[in-house]
Protein backbone atom coordinates (compact mmCIF):
# COMPACT_ATOMS: atom_id res chain seq x y z
CA MET A 1 26.62 -41.89 2.79
CA ALA A 2 23.98 -44.61 2.68
CA PHE A 3 21.80 -45.95 5.43
CA LEU A 4 20.45 -49.47 5.61
CA PHE A 5 17.63 -50.37 7.93
CA VAL A 6 17.12 -54.10 8.19
CA GLY A 7 14.21 -55.71 9.99
CA ILE A 8 12.62 -52.43 11.04
CA SER A 9 8.99 -52.26 10.05
CA GLN A 10 6.62 -50.13 12.02
CA ASN A 11 3.34 -48.50 11.07
CA ILE A 12 2.80 -45.08 12.54
CA THR A 13 -0.37 -43.01 12.54
CA LEU A 14 0.29 -39.48 11.33
CA PRO A 15 -1.86 -36.49 12.24
CA LYS A 16 -3.89 -34.78 9.52
CA ALA A 17 -1.70 -32.43 7.45
CA ASN A 18 -1.77 -28.77 8.49
CA VAL A 19 -2.59 -27.11 5.16
CA LYS A 20 -3.35 -23.61 6.48
CA GLY A 21 -0.86 -20.87 7.27
CA GLY A 22 2.81 -20.68 6.47
CA MET A 23 4.58 -18.12 4.32
CA PRO A 24 3.22 -16.86 0.98
CA ILE A 25 4.20 -19.00 -2.02
CA MET A 26 6.28 -16.28 -3.69
CA GLU A 27 8.32 -15.77 -0.52
CA ALA A 28 8.82 -19.52 -0.18
CA LEU A 29 9.99 -19.76 -3.80
CA SER A 30 12.38 -16.83 -3.43
CA LYS A 31 13.95 -18.40 -0.33
CA ARG A 32 14.23 -21.86 -1.88
CA GLN A 33 17.72 -23.36 -1.84
CA SER A 34 19.38 -26.75 -1.99
CA LEU A 35 21.57 -27.91 0.85
CA ARG A 36 24.09 -30.69 0.51
CA ASN A 37 24.81 -31.16 4.21
CA PHE A 38 22.20 -32.50 6.58
CA ASP A 39 22.17 -32.46 10.36
CA GLU A 40 21.50 -36.09 11.22
CA SER A 41 20.79 -35.20 14.84
CA LYS A 42 17.55 -33.42 13.88
CA ASN A 43 14.41 -35.44 13.33
CA LEU A 44 11.06 -34.51 11.82
CA SER A 45 8.04 -34.60 14.08
CA ASN A 46 5.10 -36.72 12.97
CA GLN A 47 3.26 -33.46 12.13
CA GLN A 48 6.13 -32.24 9.95
CA LEU A 49 6.31 -35.63 8.22
CA SER A 50 2.55 -35.60 7.63
CA ASP A 51 2.69 -32.06 6.17
CA LEU A 52 5.63 -32.97 3.92
CA LEU A 53 4.02 -36.15 2.61
CA TRP A 54 0.74 -34.32 1.99
CA ALA A 55 2.58 -31.61 0.05
CA ALA A 56 4.35 -34.26 -2.03
CA ASN A 57 1.28 -36.26 -2.95
CA GLY A 58 -1.74 -35.26 -0.86
CA ILE A 59 -5.25 -35.09 -2.17
CA ASN A 60 -6.34 -31.46 -1.85
CA ARG A 61 -9.71 -31.82 -3.55
CA PRO A 62 -11.32 -34.96 -2.11
CA GLU A 63 -14.46 -34.63 -4.23
CA SER A 64 -12.43 -35.11 -7.43
CA GLY A 65 -9.43 -37.00 -6.02
CA ARG A 66 -7.04 -34.35 -7.37
CA LYS A 67 -3.58 -34.18 -5.80
CA THR A 68 -1.26 -31.34 -4.77
CA ALA A 69 1.48 -32.56 -7.13
CA PRO A 70 0.87 -33.34 -10.80
CA SER A 71 1.34 -36.84 -12.07
CA ALA A 72 1.19 -38.56 -15.45
CA VAL A 73 -2.38 -38.15 -16.69
CA ASN A 74 -3.42 -37.39 -13.07
CA TRP A 75 -3.15 -41.03 -12.08
């Protein structure tokens, strides 16, 4: 199933990512699973979206510019 959004362009301001708390990493890894069905009636809050985007590519060490996810040659 594909979705096409035409003519929708909106900037939103996301809250700062919540990087404290949550479950321990080993527990999160042990519970990790892939789902192939998604409930389209559920939406992410702006906070959840901010946390997810930070986890995917956030800068966690501002003094050095280092990110949470590795990239080619740290670029």
